Amino acid sequence: GYLKNPKASAEAFEGGWFHSGDLGVW
């Protein structure tokens, strides 16, 4: 997670995956 930033950490790991902020296709 992000140091001393639980809010940003919770947003980044919402749904049990780390959200990269990158958009792509499979």
PDB file of all heavy atoms in Angstrom:
ATOM      1  N   GLY A   1       0.829  -1.199   0.000  1.00  0.00           N
ATOM      2  CA  GLY A   1       0.000   0.000   0.000  1.00  0.00           C
ATOM      3  C   GLY A   1       0.859   1.243   0.000  1.00  0.00           C
ATOM      4  O   GLY A   1       2.093   1.156   0.020  1.00  0.00           O
ATOM      5  N   TYR A   2       0.222   2.392  -0.044  1.00  0.00           N
ATOM      6  CA  TYR A   2       0.933   3.671  -0.033  1.00  0.00           C
ATOM      7  C   TYR A   2       1.212   4.092   1.408  1.00  0.00           C
ATOM      8  O   TYR A   2       0.322   4.032   2.259  1.00  0.00           O
ATOM      9  CB  TYR A   2       0.113   4.738  -0.751  1.00  0.00           C
ATOM     10  CG  TYR A   2      -0.037   4.475  -2.239  1.00  0.00           C
ATOM     11  CD1 TYR A   2      -1.248   4.055  -2.770  1.00  0.00           C
ATOM     12  CD2 TYR A   2       1.043   4.632  -3.100  1.00  0.00           C
ATOM     13  CE1 TYR A   2      -1.392   3.802  -4.122  1.00  0.00           C
ATOM     14  CE2 TYR A   2       0.927   4.376  -4.459  1.00  0.00           C
ATOM     15  CZ  TYR A   2      -0.296   3.960  -4.963  1.00  0.00           C
ATOM     16  OH  TYR A   2      -0.422   3.706  -6.308  1.00  0.00           O
ATOM     17  N   LEU A   3       2.429   4.526   1.663  1.00  0.00           N
ATOM     18  CA  LEU A   3       2.870   4.854   3.021  1.00  0.00           C
ATOM     19  C   LEU A   3       1.986   5.917   3.671  1.00  0.00           C
ATOM     20  O   LEU A   3       1.808   7.006   3.118  1.00  0.00           O
ATOM     21  CB  LEU A   3       4.327   5.326   2.989  1.00  0.00           C
ATOM     22  CG  LEU A   3       4.951   5.653   4.344  1.00  0.00           C
ATOM     23  CD1 LEU A   3       5.076   4.398   5.195  1.00  0.00           C
ATOM     24  CD2 LEU A   3       6.321   6.304   4.158  1.00  0.00           C
ATOM     25  N   LYS A   4       1.399   5.564   4.811  1.00  0.00           N
ATOM     26  CA  LYS A   4       0.596   6.485   5.620  1.00  0.00           C
ATOM     27  C   LYS A   4      -0.552   7.099   4.828  1.00  0.00           C
ATOM     28  O   LYS A   4      -0.933   8.250   5.059  1.00  0.00           O
ATOM     29  CB  LYS A   4       1.478   7.596   6.216  1.00  0.00           C
ATOM     30  CG  LYS A   4       2.565   7.076   7.145  1.00  0.00           C
ATOM     31  CD  LYS A   4       3.441   8.192   7.681  1.00  0.00           C
ATOM     32  CE  LYS A   4       4.539   7.631   8.574  1.00  0.00           C
ATOM     33  NZ  LYS A   4       5.443   8.704   9.077  1.00  0.00           N
ATOM     34  N   ASN A   5      -1.071   6.338   3.850  1.00  0.00           N
ATOM     35  CA  ASN A   5      -2.192   6.853   3.046  1.00  0.00           C
ATOM     36  C   ASN A   5      -3.210   5.728   2.842  1.00  0.00           C
ATOM     37  O   ASN A   5      -3.339   5.175   1.743  1.00  0.00           O
ATOM     38  CB  ASN A   5      -1.680   7.369   1.696  1.00  0.00           C
ATOM     39  CG  ASN A   5      -2.701   8.247   0.998  1.00  0.00           C
ATOM     40  OD1 ASN A   5      -3.907   8.132   1.250  1.00  0.00           O
ATOM     41  ND2 ASN A   5      -2.242   9.113   0.107  1.00  0.00           N
ATOM     42  N   PRO A   6      -3.942   5.383   3.904  1.00  0.00           N
ATOM     43  CA  PRO A   6      -4.893   4.261   3.810  1.00  0.00           C
ATOM     44  C   PRO A   6      -6.001   4.499   2.796  1.00  0.00           C
ATOM     45  O   PRO A   6      -6.486   3.545   2.175  1.00  0.00           O
ATOM     46  CB  PRO A   6      -5.450   4.149   5.238  1.00  0.00           C
ATOM     47  CG  PRO A   6      -5.155   5.464   5.891  1.00  0.00           C
ATOM     48  CD  PRO A   6      -3.893   5.966   5.261  1.00  0.00           C
ATOM     49  N   LYS A   7      -6.397   5.762   2.585  1.00  0.00           N
ATOM     50  CA  LYS A   7      -7.467   6.051   1.630  1.00  0.00           C
ATOM     51  C   LYS A   7      -7.028   5.705   0.205  1.00  0.00           C
ATOM     52  O   LYS A   7      -7.730   5.016  -0.534  1.00  0.00           O
ATOM     53  CB  LYS A   7      -7.861   7.533   1.716  1.00  0.00           C
ATOM     54  CG  LYS A   7      -9.001   7.929   0.783  1.00  0.00           C
ATOM     55  CD  LYS A   7      -9.394   9.391   1.015  1.00  0.00           C
ATOM     56  CE  LYS A   7     -10.554   9.801   0.098  1.00  0.00           C
ATOM     57  NZ  LYS A   7     -10.158   9.859  -1.304  1.00  0.00           N
ATOM     58  N   ALA A   8      -5.821   6.164  -0.166  1.00  0.00           N
ATOM     59  CA  ALA A   8      -5.306   5.870  -1.507  1.00  0.00           C
ATOM     60  C   ALA A   8      -5.062   4.379  -1.674  1.00  0.00           C
ATOM     61  O   ALA A   8      -5.303   3.815  -2.753  1.00  0.00           O
ATOM     62  CB  ALA A   8      -4.014   6.650  -1.760  1.00  0.00           C
ATOM     63  N   SER A   9      -4.622   3.713  -0.602  1.00  0.00           N
ATOM     64  CA  SER A   9      -4.367   2.270  -0.667  1.00  0.00           C
ATOM     65  C   SER A   9      -5.663   1.505  -0.894  1.00  0.00           C
ATOM     66  O   SER A   9      -5.714   0.575  -1.710  1.00  0.00           O
ATOM     67  CB  SER A   9      -3.693   1.791   0.621  1.00  0.00           C
ATOM     68  OG  SER A   9      -2.445   2.434   0.796  1.00  0.00           O
ATOM     69  N   ALA A  10      -6.724   1.909  -0.170  1.00  0.00           N
ATOM     70  CA  ALA A  10      -8.023   1.232  -0.319  1.00  0.00           C
ATOM     71  C   ALA A  10      -8.562   1.402  -1.728  1.00  0.00           C
ATOM     72  O   ALA A  10      -9.096   0.455  -2.323  1.00  0.00           O
ATOM     73  CB  ALA A  10      -9.007   1.791   0.704  1.00  0.00           C
ATOM     74  N   GLU A  11      -8.397   2.595  -2.290  1.00  0.00           N
ATOM     75  CA  GLU A  11      -8.865   2.841  -3.662  1.00  0.00           C
ATOM     76  C   GLU A  11      -8.058   2.020  -4.659  1.00  0.00           C
ATOM     77  O   GLU A  11      -8.600   1.453  -5.607  1.00  0.00           O
ATOM     78  CB  GLU A  11      -8.750   4.339  -3.991  1.00  0.00           C
ATOM     79  CG  GLU A  11      -9.745   5.207  -3.240  1.00  0.00           C
ATOM     80  CD  GLU A  11      -9.485   6.695  -3.437  1.00  0.00           C
ATOM     81  OE1 GLU A  11      -8.483   7.044  -4.118  1.00  0.00           O
ATOM     82  OE2 GLU A  11     -10.274   7.502  -2.919  1.00  0.00           O
ATOM     83  N   ALA A  12      -6.740   1.949  -4.441  1.00  0.00           N
ATOM     84  CA  ALA A  12      -5.861   1.243  -5.380  1.00  0.00           C
ATOM     85  C   ALA A  12      -6.145  -0.259  -5.404  1.00  0.00           C
ATOM     86  O   ALA A  12      -5.956  -0.910  -6.431  1.00  0.00           O
ATOM     87  CB  ALA A  12      -4.400   1.491  -5.026  1.00  0.00           C
ATOM     88  N   PHE A  13      -6.606  -0.817  -4.259  1.00  0.00           N
ATOM     89  CA  PHE A  13      -6.824  -2.264  -4.165  1.00  0.00           C
ATOM     90  C   PHE A  13      -8.297  -2.644  -4.115  1.00  0.00           C
ATOM     91  O   PHE A  13      -8.638  -3.761  -3.723  1.00  0.00           O
ATOM     92  CB  PHE A  13      -6.096  -2.822  -2.943  1.00  0.00           C
ATOM     93  CG  PHE A  13      -4.605  -2.915  -3.136  1.00  0.00           C
ATOM     94  CD1 PHE A  13      -3.770  -1.938  -2.634  1.00  0.00           C
ATOM     95  CD2 PHE A  13      -4.041  -3.975  -3.824  1.00  0.00           C
ATOM     96  CE1 PHE A  13      -2.390  -2.007  -2.819  1.00  0.00           C
ATOM     97  CE2 PHE A  13      -2.670  -4.056  -4.012  1.00  0.00           C
ATOM     98  CZ  PHE A  13      -1.847  -3.072  -3.507  1.00  0.00           C
ATOM     99  N   GLU A  14      -9.153  -1.751  -4.561  1.00  0.00           N
ATOM    100  CA  GLU A  14     -10.587  -2.044  -4.536  1.00  0.00           C
ATOM    101  C   GLU A  14     -10.891  -3.297  -5.374  1.00  0.00           C
ATOM    102  O   GLU A  14     -10.419  -3.437  -6.506  1.00  0.00           O
ATOM    103  CB  GLU A  14     -11.367  -0.851  -5.098  1.00  0.00           C
ATOM    104  CG  GLU A  14     -12.856  -0.936  -4.847  1.00  0.00           C
ATOM    105  CD  GLU A  14     -13.579   0.347  -5.222  1.00  0.00           C
ATOM    106  OE1 GLU A  14     -12.916   1.362  -5.497  1.00  0.00           O
ATOM    107  OE2 GLU A  14     -14.816   0.309  -5.263  1.00  0.00           O
ATOM    108  N   GLY A  15     -11.639  -4.211  -4.787  1.00  0.00           N
ATOM    109  CA  GLY A  15     -11.994  -5.439  -5.502  1.00  0.00           C
ATOM    110  C   GLY A  15     -10.930  -6.514  -5.435  1.00  0.00           C
ATOM    111  O   GLY A  15     -11.043  -7.551  -6.098  1.00  0.00           O
ATOM    112  N   GLY A  16      -9.875  -6.286  -4.635  1.00  0.00           N
ATOM    113  CA  GLY A  16      -8.855  -7.322  -4.462  1.00  0.00           C
ATOM    114  C   GLY A  16      -7.766  -7.349  -5.511  1.00  0.00           C
ATOM    115  O   GLY A  16      -6.953  -8.274  -5.545  1.00  0.00           O
ATOM    116  N   TRP A  17      -7.736  -6.346  -6.394  1.00  0.00           N
ATOM    117  CA  TRP A  17      -6.683  -6.229  -7.403  1.00  0.00           C
ATOM    118  C   TRP A  17      -6.063  -4.836  -7.315  1.00  0.00           C
ATOM    119  O   TRP A  17      -6.754  -3.873  -6.980  1.00  0.00           O
ATOM    120  CB  TRP A  17      -7.248  -6.421  -8.816  1.00  0.00           C
ATOM    121  CG  TRP A  17      -7.634  -7.819  -9.150  1.00  0.00           C
ATOM    122  CD1 TRP A  17      -8.776  -8.479  -8.762  1.00  0.00           C
ATOM    123  CD2 TRP A  17      -6.890  -8.750  -9.951  1.00  0.00           C
ATOM    124  NE1 TRP A  17      -8.788  -9.755  -9.262  1.00  0.00           N
ATOM    125  CE2 TRP A  17      -7.651  -9.949 -10.002  1.00  0.00           C
ATOM    126  CE3 TRP A  17      -5.678  -8.682 -10.629  1.00  0.00           C
ATOM    127  CZ2 TRP A  17      -7.221 -11.075 -10.704  1.00  0.00           C
ATOM    128  CZ3 TRP A  17      -5.245  -9.797 -11.333  1.00  0.00           C
ATOM    129  CH2 TRP A  17      -6.012 -10.973 -11.368  1.00  0.00           C
ATOM    130  N   PHE A  18      -4.771  -4.710  -7.654  1.00  0.00           N
ATOM    131  CA  PHE A  18      -4.154  -3.388  -7.730  1.00  0.00           C
ATOM    132  C   PHE A  18      -4.540  -2.735  -9.045  1.00  0.00           C
ATOM    133  O   PHE A  18      -4.294  -3.281 -10.123  1.00  0.00           O
ATOM    134  CB  PHE A  18      -2.627  -3.482  -7.619  1.00  0.00           C
ATOM    135  CG  PHE A  18      -1.953  -2.168  -7.948  1.00  0.00           C
ATOM    136  CD1 PHE A  18      -2.117  -1.068  -7.110  1.00  0.00           C
ATOM    137  CD2 PHE A  18      -1.207  -2.021  -9.095  1.00  0.00           C
ATOM    138  CE1 PHE A  18      -1.534   0.155  -7.422  1.00  0.00           C
ATOM    139  CE2 PHE A  18      -0.615  -0.812  -9.421  1.00  0.00           C
ATOM    140  CZ  PHE A  18      -0.774   0.282  -8.572  1.00  0.00           C
ATOM    141  N   HIS A  19      -5.146  -1.567  -8.959  1.00  0.00           N
ATOM    142  CA  HIS A  19      -5.590  -0.816 -10.143  1.00  0.00           C
ATOM    143  C   HIS A  19      -4.431   0.044 -10.653  1.00  0.00           C
ATOM    144  O   HIS A  19      -3.976   0.956  -9.966  1.00  0.00           O
ATOM    145  CB  HIS A  19      -6.782   0.088  -9.789  1.00  0.00           C
ATOM    146  CG  HIS A  19      -8.009  -0.665  -9.373  1.00  0.00           C
ATOM    147  ND1 HIS A  19      -9.214  -0.544 -10.025  1.00  0.00           N
ATOM    148  CD2 HIS A  19      -8.218  -1.559  -8.375  1.00  0.00           C
ATOM    149  CE1 HIS A  19     -10.121  -1.325  -9.442  1.00  0.00           C
ATOM    150  NE2 HIS A  19      -9.532  -1.948  -8.430  1.00  0.00           N
ATOM    151  N   SER A  20      -3.970  -0.248 -11.864  1.00  0.00           N
ATOM    152  CA  SER A  20      -2.780   0.436 -12.388  1.00  0.00           C
ATOM    153  C   SER A  20      -3.065   1.843 -12.896  1.00  0.00           C
ATOM    154  O   SER A  20      -2.164   2.671 -12.986  1.00  0.00           O
ATOM    155  CB  SER A  20      -2.164  -0.386 -13.526  1.00  0.00           C
ATOM    156  OG  SER A  20      -3.015  -0.361 -14.666  1.00  0.00           O
ATOM    157  N   GLY A  21      -4.324   2.115 -13.288  1.00  0.00           N
ATOM    158  CA  GLY A  21      -4.621   3.391 -13.932  1.00  0.00           C
ATOM    159  C   GLY A  21      -4.333   3.366 -15.421  1.00  0.00           C
ATOM    160  O   GLY A  21      -4.582   4.341 -16.124  1.00  0.00           O
ATOM    161  N   ASP A  22      -3.817   2.224 -15.914  1.00  0.00           N
ATOM    162  CA  ASP A  22      -3.562   2.070 -17.349  1.00  0.00           C
ATOM    163  C   ASP A  22      -4.767   1.401 -18.008  1.00  0.00           C
ATOM    164  O   ASP A  22      -5.302   0.427 -17.478  1.00  0.00           O
ATOM    165  CB  ASP A  22      -2.314   1.202 -17.596  1.00  0.00           C
ATOM    166  CG  ASP A  22      -1.031   1.916 -17.239  1.00  0.00           C
ATOM    167  OD1 ASP A  22      -0.984   3.149 -17.379  1.00  0.00           O
ATOM    168  OD2 ASP A  22      -0.079   1.244 -16.807  1.00  0.00           O
ATOM    169  N   LEU A  23      -5.154   1.913 -19.159  1.00  0.00           N
ATOM    170  CA  LEU A  23      -6.243   1.317 -19.919  1.00  0.00           C
ATOM    171  C   LEU A  23      -5.654   0.457 -21.039  1.00  0.00           C
ATOM    172  O   LEU A  23      -4.689   0.849 -21.689  1.00  0.00           O
ATOM    173  CB  LEU A  23      -7.139   2.404 -20.513  1.00  0.00           C
ATOM    174  CG  LEU A  23      -7.814   3.339 -19.505  1.00  0.00           C
ATOM    175  CD1 LEU A  23      -8.660   4.382 -20.224  1.00  0.00           C
ATOM    176  CD2 LEU A  23      -8.680   2.554 -18.526  1.00  0.00           C
ATOM    177  N   GLY A  24      -6.252  -0.695 -21.241  1.00  0.00           N
ATOM    178  CA  GLY A  24      -5.725  -1.579 -22.278  1.00  0.00           C
ATOM    179  C   GLY A  24      -6.762  -2.571 -22.757  1.00  0.00           C
ATOM    180  O   GLY A  24      -7.911  -2.580 -22.298  1.00  0.00           O
ATOM    181  N   VAL A  25      -6.339  -3.417 -23.689  1.00  0.00           N
ATOM    182  CA  VAL A  25      -7.191  -4.476 -24.226  1.00  0.00           C
ATOM    183  C   VAL A  25      -6.489  -5.809 -23.992  1.00  0.00           C
ATOM    184  O   VAL A  25      -5.275  -5.863 -23.757  1.00  0.00           O
ATOM    185  CB  VAL A  25      -7.475  -4.286 -25.731  1.00  0.00           C
ATOM    186  CG1 VAL A  25      -8.255  -2.991 -25.964  1.00  0.00           C
ATOM    187  CG2 VAL A  25      -6.184  -4.278 -26.554  1.00  0.00           C
ATOM    188  N   TRP A  26      -7.279  -6.886 -24.070  1.00  0.00           N
ATOM    189  CA  TRP A  26      -6.753  -8.241 -23.897  1.00  0.00           C
ATOM    190  C   TRP A  26      -6.928  -8.965 -25.223  1.00  0.00           C
ATOM    191  O   TRP A  26      -8.036  -9.082 -25.739  1.00  0.00           O
ATOM    192  CB  TRP A  26      -7.546  -8.958 -22.803  1.00  0.00           C
ATOM    193  CG  TRP A  26      -6.711  -9.798 -21.896  1.00  0.00           C
ATOM    194  CD1 TRP A  26      -5.438 -10.213 -22.094  1.00  0.00           C
ATOM    195  CD2 TRP A  26      -7.113 -10.326 -20.621  1.00  0.00           C
ATOM    196  NE1 TRP A  26      -5.014 -10.977 -21.036  1.00  0.00           N
ATOM    197  CE2 TRP A  26      -6.020 -11.059 -20.118  1.00  0.00           C
ATOM    198  CE3 TRP A  26      -8.292 -10.274 -19.881  1.00  0.00           C
ATOM    199  CZ2 TRP A  26      -6.066 -11.717 -18.892  1.00  0.00           C
ATOM    200  CZ3 TRP A  26      -8.327 -10.930 -18.657  1.00  0.00           C
ATOM    201  CH2 TRP A  26      -7.232 -11.642 -18.165  1.00  0.00           C
TER     202      TRP A  26
END
